[in-house]
Amino acid sequence: MNFDRYDRIRPIRWQGDRLSLLDQRKLPFVVEYMDCRDSHAVTQAIRDLVVRGAPAIGIAAAFGVVLAARDVMASDGVGALAAMENDIAELNASRPTAVNLMWAIARMRSVLDGAGGDWREVIEREAIAIESEDLAANRKMGAMGAACIAEGSGVLTHCNTGSLATAGFGTALGVIRAGVAMGRIARVYASETRPWLQGARLTAWELQEDGIPATLIADGAGAHLMKTGAVQWLVVGADRICANGDAANKIGTYHHAIAARHHGVKVMVVAPSSTVDMATASGELIHIEERDGAELLSISGTRTVAEGVAAFNPVFDVTPAGLIDVLVTEKGVIEHPDAAKMAMHFAFA
């Protein structure tokens, strides 16, 4: 099926001499690209959430490596890798939870290590391949995930997992796009996703751009929505999936998953295989990023909390595999993921 109607947004544009990133901090009211001309600018863009979403972060970091090579003089990839080590390490440390970042950097290191005199062309081709492969994987995951959903279903999604978080089309939002195109999804709900409001600012905007009607809800309204019977699936992405099937995603996913289990709503996690971290046994071992508590104390720069109030601001939480009904990657669909099934599918991930 042709999904082009629902795939119009590209947040990452490689321009040959610079990386243009759609500034997601300014959406939905300002659509503006920021040009990054060196790896330090890419690192800062990742830290500042100009670009966000695990796959998109990985893609941006790969092009960051290409930009780091600009002023390097080396006869082969090994020499270039040594000269670029500090810049690459800086990119690798820009966000600690999303495994796609580390995966993309490791892939770029690997091709550099084996490259000859054409190492500049090699790493640029590799970054472009990472981007292209992500888009193809998203299209495939969308079709596979949508096939699991019964015709006429309602879905709830959390955070933003669409084109803005990937090379295009999206992971969980890709399933929703495909499900709408295939006539399987009749109702779409998006939760706000505090404190950065990715659901309100980004997901709702993406769906509107594609002509897909969506209804926004407060994060705390998810359980009530499920109780009404309006949704049959919770469809979310992931920033890291462990060897036992536990999945880290945007803070708030875990409580939606608990409510879903109570109300008989199925949970689908959608992410590319680059998000799978077979070296991490379970969710307890994931480093959960905490950002400045000040993000909770204001909205769009306007303080909403009394002075002197402390804030705890974890960015992710972990949904145990036992609460996940379906895990979708481009490698296939895993029902009720566990350590044995993960090992079977991702032994070499």
Protein backbone atom coordinates (compact mmCIF):
# COMPACT_ATOMS: atom_id res chain seq x y z
CA MET A 1 0.00 0.00 0.00
CA ASN A 2 1.22 3.50 -0.85
CA PHE A 3 1.48 5.57 2.33
CA ASP A 4 2.86 8.74 0.68
CA ARG A 5 -0.26 10.70 1.55
CA TYR A 6 0.65 10.30 5.21
CA ASP A 7 4.40 10.91 4.94
CA ARG A 8 5.04 14.56 4.20
CA ILE A 9 7.33 15.73 7.03
CA ARG A 10 11.14 15.48 7.08
CA PRO A 11 12.83 16.78 10.26
CA ILE A 12 16.39 16.07 9.11
CA ARG A 13 17.87 17.39 5.86
CA TRP A 14 21.45 16.67 4.88
CA GLN A 15 22.64 19.53 2.68
CA GLY A 16 26.12 18.24 1.86
CA ASP A 17 27.97 20.87 3.87
CA ARG A 18 25.55 21.22 6.80
CA LEU A 19 22.73 19.46 8.63
CA SER A 20 19.38 21.23 8.71
CA LEU A 21 17.18 20.23 11.68
CA LEU A 22 13.54 21.19 12.05
CA ASP A 23 13.51 23.05 15.38
CA GLN A 24 10.93 21.09 17.34
CA ARG A 25 11.01 23.53 20.24
CA LYS A 26 9.17 26.09 18.08
CA LEU A 27 6.43 23.86 16.69
CA PRO A 28 3.54 24.01 16.01
CA PHE A 29 3.45 27.76 15.44
CA VAL A 30 6.84 28.28 13.81
CA VAL A 31 8.24 25.87 11.22
CA GLU A 32 11.95 26.68 11.09
CA TYR A 33 15.10 24.72 10.32
CA MET A 34 18.35 25.21 12.22
CA ASP A 35 21.60 24.72 10.31
CA CYS A 36 24.38 22.81 12.06
CA ARG A 37 27.77 23.25 10.41
CA ASP A 38 29.92 21.27 12.84
CA SER A 39 29.56 18.37 15.25
CA HIS A 40 29.41 20.64 18.30
CA ALA A 41 26.29 22.31 16.93
CA VAL A 42 24.70 18.87 16.39
CA THR A 43 25.58 17.84 19.94
CA GLN A 44 23.99 21.01 21.31
CA ALA A 45 20.90 20.54 19.14
CA ILE A 46 20.42 17.05 20.55
CA ARG A 47 20.87 18.25 24.13
CA ASP A 48 18.51 21.18 23.64
CA LEU A 49 15.77 19.03 22.04
CA VAL A 50 15.95 20.81 18.70
CA VAL A 51 15.95 17.25 17.40
CA ARG A 52 14.40 14.51 19.53
CA GLY A 53 13.07 10.97 19.23
CA ALA A 54 15.45 8.05 19.49
CA PRO A 55 15.81 7.25 15.75
CA ALA A 56 16.12 10.93 14.78
CA ILE A 57 18.79 11.48 17.43
CA GLY A 58 20.78 8.56 16.01
CA ILE A 59 20.49 9.89 12.45
CA ALA A 60 21.50 13.39 13.50
CA ALA A 61 24.49 12.03 15.41
CA ALA A 62 25.62 10.04 12.35
CA PHE A 63 25.66 13.23 10.29
CA GLY A 64 27.38 14.92 13.23
CA VAL A 65 30.26 12.48 12.71
CA VAL A 66 30.39 13.50 9.05
CA LEU A 67 30.60 17.16 10.09
CA ALA A 68 33.31 16.35 12.64
CA ALA A 69 35.47 15.20 9.75
CA ARG A 70 35.43 18.58 8.03
CA ASP A 71 38.79 19.86 9.25
CA VAL A 72 40.49 16.51 9.82
CA MET A 73 43.58 15.66 7.81
CA ALA A 74 44.11 11.88 7.67
CA SER A 75 45.13 9.35 5.05
CA ASP A 76 42.71 6.65 6.16
CA GLY A 77 39.79 5.96 8.47
CA VAL A 78 41.92 4.79 11.38
CA GLY A 79 43.80 8.07 11.47
CA ALA A 80 40.58 10.04 11.06
CA LEU A 81 38.94 8.14 13.89
CA ALA A 82 41.81 9.01 16.22
CA ALA A 83 41.66 12.68 15.25
CA MET A 84 37.88 12.84 15.67
CA GLU A 85 37.67 10.90 18.94
CA ASN A 86 36.82 13.86 21.19
CA ASP A 87 34.07 15.13 18.90
CA ILE A 88 32.60 11.65 18.51
CA ALA A 89 32.66 11.08 22.27
CA GLU A 90 30.87 14.40 22.76
CA LEU A 91 28.13 13.34 20.35
CA ASN A 92 27.86 9.95 22.02
CA ALA A 93 27.28 11.57 25.42
CA SER A 94 24.67 14.10 24.27
CA ARG A 95 21.71 12.05 25.56
CA PRO A 96 22.19 9.01 27.86
CA THR A 97 19.02 6.90 27.46
CA ALA A 98 18.23 6.54 23.76
CA VAL A 99 20.24 3.53 22.56
CA ASN A 100 19.88 4.51 18.89
CA LEU A 101 22.40 7.29 19.53
CA MET A 102 25.08 4.88 20.73
CA TRP A 103 24.14 2.40 17.98
CA ALA A 104 24.57 4.99 15.22
CA ILE A 105 27.86 6.24 16.64
CA ALA A 106 29.17 2.66 16.92
CA ARG A 107 28.19 2.03 13.30
CA MET A 108 29.99 5.15 12.16
CA ARG A 109 33.09 4.18 14.17
CA SER A 110 33.05 0.74 12.57
CA VAL A 111 33.00 1.98 8.97
CA LEU A 112 35.67 4.58 9.76
CA ASP A 113 37.92 1.94 11.27
CA GLY A 114 37.85 -0.05 8.03
CA ALA A 115 37.96 2.82 5.54
CA GLY A 116 40.87 3.72 3.30
CA GLY A 117 41.72 6.97 1.56
CA ASP A 118 38.07 7.56 0.63
CA TRP A 119 37.02 7.60 4.28
CA ARG A 120 35.14 10.90 3.96
CA GLU A 121 32.88 9.50 1.25
CA VAL A 122 32.47 6.27 3.22
CA ILE A 123 31.12 7.93 6.35
CA GLU A 124 28.81 10.23 4.40
CA ARG A 125 27.34 7.24 2.56
CA GLU A 126 26.92 5.43 5.87
CA ALA A 127 25.02 8.32 7.48
CA ILE A 128 22.75 8.57 4.44
CA ALA A 129 22.20 4.78 4.63
CA ILE A 130 21.22 5.00 8.31
CA GLU A 131 18.62 7.62 7.41
CA SER A 132 17.27 5.69 4.40
CA GLU A 133 17.10 2.41 6.29
CA ASP A 134 15.14 4.05 9.09
CA LEU A 135 12.50 5.35 6.71
CA ALA A 136 12.15 1.94 5.05
CA ALA A 137 11.91 0.24 8.45
CA ASN A 138 9.21 2.65 9.56
CA ARG A 139 7.08 1.92 6.51
CA LYS A 140 7.45 -1.81 7.14
CA MET A 141 6.68 -1.55 10.85
CA GLY A 142 3.65 0.58 10.11
CA ALA A 143 2.09 -2.08 7.91
CA MET A 144 2.92 -4.93 10.30
CA GLY A 145 1.66 -3.13 13.37
CA ALA A 146 -1.52 -1.95 11.71
CA ALA A 147 -2.28 -5.53 10.66
CA CYS A 148 -2.56 -6.44 14.36
CA ILE A 149 -5.35 -3.91 14.93
CA ALA A 150 -8.98 -4.81 14.30
CA GLU A 151 -10.98 -2.67 11.90
CA GLY A 152 -12.71 0.28 13.51
CA SER A 153 -10.43 0.47 16.55
CA GLY A 154 -9.51 3.48 18.63
CA VAL A 155 -5.91 4.07 19.68
CA LEU A 156 -4.13 6.21 22.26
CA THR A 157 -0.52 7.28 21.76
CA HIS A 158 1.90 9.04 24.09
CA CYS A 159 4.73 11.48 23.28
CA ASN A 160 5.72 11.91 19.63
CA THR A 161 6.82 8.93 17.59
CA GLY A 162 6.12 10.23 14.12
CA SER A 163 8.10 11.76 11.29
CA LEU A 164 9.52 14.30 13.71
CA ALA A 165 11.12 11.54 15.79
CA THR A 166 12.52 9.54 12.86
CA ALA A 167 13.69 9.86 9.26
CA GLY A 168 10.01 9.97 8.30
CA PHE A 169 6.61 8.24 8.71
CA GLY A 170 7.34 7.29 12.32
CA THR A 171 7.33 4.26 14.57
CA ALA A 172 4.18 4.14 16.72
CA LEU A 173 2.72 7.03 14.74
CA GLY A 174 3.71 5.13 11.59
CA VAL A 175 1.45 2.29 12.75
CA ILE A 176 -1.31 4.83 13.28
CA ARG A 177 -0.74 6.37 9.85
CA ALA A 178 -0.79 2.92 8.23
CA GLY A 179 -3.83 1.89 10.28
CA VAL A 180 -5.77 4.93 9.12
CA ALA A 181 -4.72 4.34 5.51
CA MET A 182 -5.80 0.68 5.77
CA GLY A 183 -9.14 1.55 7.34
CA ARG A 184 -8.35 -0.20 10.62
CA ILE A 185 -8.08 2.81 12.93
CA ALA A 186 -11.17 4.94 13.36
CA ARG A 187 -10.22 7.12 16.34
CA VAL A 188 -6.88 8.59 17.44
CA TYR A 189 -6.15 10.14 20.84
CA ALA A 190 -2.89 11.81 21.85
CA SER A 191 -1.86 12.61 25.41
CA GLU A 192 -0.22 15.98 26.11
CA THR A 193 3.08 14.52 27.36
CA ARG A 194 4.30 16.98 29.96
CA PRO A 195 6.59 18.77 30.51
CA TRP A 196 7.63 19.37 26.88
CA LEU A 197 4.15 18.67 25.48
CA GLN A 198 5.39 16.51 22.60
CA GLY A 199 1.92 15.03 22.19
CA ALA A 200 0.15 18.38 22.23
CA ARG A 201 2.67 20.36 20.18
CA LEU A 202 4.06 17.74 17.85
CA THR A 203 1.86 14.65 17.47
CA ALA A 204 -1.37 16.64 17.14
CA TRP A 205 0.33 18.92 14.58
CA GLU A 206 1.71 16.00 12.54
CA LEU A 207 -1.66 14.29 12.36
CA GLN A 208 -3.35 17.55 11.41
CA GLU A 209 -0.79 18.04 8.62
CA ASP A 210 -1.72 14.62 7.27
CA GLY A 211 -5.46 15.20 7.55
CA ILE A 212 -5.89 12.59 10.30
CA PRO A 213 -8.40 13.75 12.95
CA ALA A 214 -6.99 13.39 16.45
CA THR A 215 -8.27 14.27 19.92
CA LEU A 216 -5.93 15.63 22.58
CA ILE A 217 -6.25 14.50 26.20
CA ALA A 218 -4.45 15.42 29.42
CA ASP A 219 -1.90 12.81 30.48
CA GLY A 220 -3.99 11.97 33.54
CA ALA A 221 -7.10 11.32 31.44
CA GLY A 222 -5.76 8.12 29.87
CA ALA A 223 -7.29 5.68 32.35
CA HIS A 224 -10.69 7.36 32.14
CA LEU A 225 -10.54 7.26 28.33
CA MET A 226 -9.78 3.54 28.43
CA LYS A 227 -12.67 2.94 30.83
CA THR A 228 -15.10 4.47 28.31
CA GLY A 229 -14.17 1.86 25.71
CA ALA A 230 -13.09 4.49 23.19
CA VAL A 231 -9.67 2.89 22.66
CA GLN A 232 -8.62 -0.71 22.12
CA TRP A 233 -4.87 -0.13 21.80
CA LEU A 234 -2.16 1.93 23.44
CA VAL A 235 0.50 2.35 20.70
CA VAL A 236 3.84 3.82 21.81
CA GLY A 237 7.48 3.97 20.80
CA ALA A 238 10.63 3.21 22.77
CA ASP A 239 14.05 4.69 23.40
CA ARG A 240 15.56 1.42 24.60
CA ILE A 241 14.29 -2.18 24.62
CA CYS A 242 16.09 -4.62 26.89
CA ALA A 243 16.99 -8.27 26.39
CA ASN A 244 13.93 -9.35 28.41
CA GLY A 245 11.51 -7.09 26.49
CA ASP A 246 11.29 -4.24 29.03
CA ALA A 247 10.93 -0.94 27.19
CA ALA A 248 12.00 2.56 28.21
CA ASN A 249 9.90 5.33 26.73
CA LYS A 250 8.81 8.87 27.50
CA ILE A 251 7.80 9.43 31.11
CA GLY A 252 4.12 8.59 31.54
CA THR A 253 4.12 5.52 29.29
CA TYR A 254 4.33 3.17 32.28
CA HIS A 255 1.20 4.47 33.95
CA HIS A 256 -0.71 4.34 30.65
CA ALA A 257 0.38 0.70 30.29
CA ILE A 258 -0.79 -0.16 33.83
CA ALA A 259 -4.18 1.42 33.11
CA ALA A 260 -4.36 -0.43 29.80
CA ARG A 261 -3.85 -3.79 31.46
CA HIS A 262 -6.59 -3.04 34.01
CA HIS A 263 -9.08 -2.03 31.32
CA GLY A 264 -8.29 -4.77 28.79
CA VAL A 265 -6.63 -2.38 26.34
CA LYS A 266 -3.72 -3.92 24.44
CA VAL A 267 -0.26 -2.37 24.46
CA MET A 268 1.91 -2.18 21.34
CA VAL A 269 5.53 -0.96 21.43
CA VAL A 270 6.95 0.00 18.04
CA ALA A 271 10.64 0.69 17.43
CA PRO A 272 13.40 -0.22 14.97
CA SER A 273 15.80 -3.02 15.88
CA SER A 274 18.47 -0.36 16.50
CA THR A 275 16.51 0.43 19.69
CA VAL A 276 16.99 -3.12 20.98
CA ASP A 277 19.82 -3.39 23.51
CA MET A 278 20.55 -7.06 24.08
CA ALA A 279 23.49 -6.09 26.30
CA THR A 280 21.09 -4.71 28.92
CA ALA A 281 19.30 -7.56 30.65
CA SER A 282 16.33 -5.65 32.08
CA GLY A 283 14.83 -2.24 32.60
CA GLU A 284 16.28 -1.93 36.09
CA LEU A 285 19.70 -1.49 34.47
CA ILE A 286 18.71 1.41 32.21
CA HIS A 287 20.09 4.81 33.11
CA ILE A 288 17.03 7.07 33.30
CA GLU A 289 17.90 10.58 32.21
CA GLU A 290 16.85 13.37 34.56
CA ARG A 291 16.60 16.88 33.19
CA ASP A 292 16.54 20.21 34.99
CA GLY A 293 13.56 20.41 37.31
CA ALA A 294 12.96 23.93 36.05
CA GLU A 295 11.25 22.36 33.02
CA LEU A 296 8.35 21.43 35.30
CA LEU A 297 8.08 24.84 36.90
CA SER A 298 6.98 26.78 33.83
CA ILE A 299 5.15 26.47 30.53
CA SER A 300 6.58 28.28 27.49
CA GLY A 301 8.69 30.43 29.76
CA THR A 302 5.87 31.44 32.12
CA ARG A 303 6.38 30.21 35.67
CA THR A 304 3.39 28.30 37.03
CA VAL A 305 4.79 27.17 40.39
CA ALA A 306 5.57 29.14 43.54
CA GLU A 307 9.18 30.06 44.18
CA GLY A 308 11.10 27.58 46.28
CA VAL A 309 9.20 24.46 45.13
CA ALA A 310 11.47 21.51 44.26
CA ALA A 311 10.88 19.38 41.15
CA PHE A 312 11.82 15.83 40.14
CA ASN A 313 12.06 15.51 36.36
CA PRO A 314 12.84 12.01 35.03
CA VAL A 315 12.46 11.99 31.25
CA PHE A 316 11.73 8.28 30.78
CA ASP A 317 10.14 5.37 32.58
CA VAL A 318 10.28 1.63 31.95
CA THR A 319 7.28 -0.49 30.97
CA PRO A 320 7.88 -4.11 32.02
CA ALA A 321 7.63 -6.71 29.26
CA GLY A 322 4.74 -8.31 31.13
CA LEU A 323 2.57 -5.31 30.26
CA ILE A 324 3.45 -5.38 26.54
CA ASP A 325 1.14 -7.38 24.27
CA VAL A 326 2.96 -6.78 21.00
CA LEU A 327 6.46 -5.59 20.14
CA VAL A 328 6.94 -4.52 16.53
CA THR A 329 10.30 -3.96 14.83
CA GLU A 330 11.20 -4.17 11.15
CA LYS A 331 12.32 -7.75 11.89
CA GLY A 332 8.78 -8.82 12.76
CA VAL A 333 6.07 -8.92 15.40
CA ILE A 334 6.68 -10.47 18.82
CA GLU A 335 3.63 -11.21 20.92
CA HIS A 336 4.14 -11.01 24.71
CA PRO A 337 7.91 -10.46 24.51
CA ASP A 338 10.19 -12.17 27.02
CA ALA A 339 13.86 -13.04 27.25
CA ALA A 340 13.54 -16.24 25.20
CA LYS A 341 11.63 -14.58 22.36
CA MET A 342 13.96 -11.60 22.34
CA ALA A 343 17.00 -13.89 22.09
CA MET A 344 15.41 -15.74 19.20
CA HIS A 345 14.78 -12.51 17.24
CA PHE A 346 17.77 -10.41 18.22
CA ALA A 347 20.62 -12.78 19.05
CA PHE A 348 23.03 -10.56 17.12
CA ALA A 349 21.46 -7.14 17.84
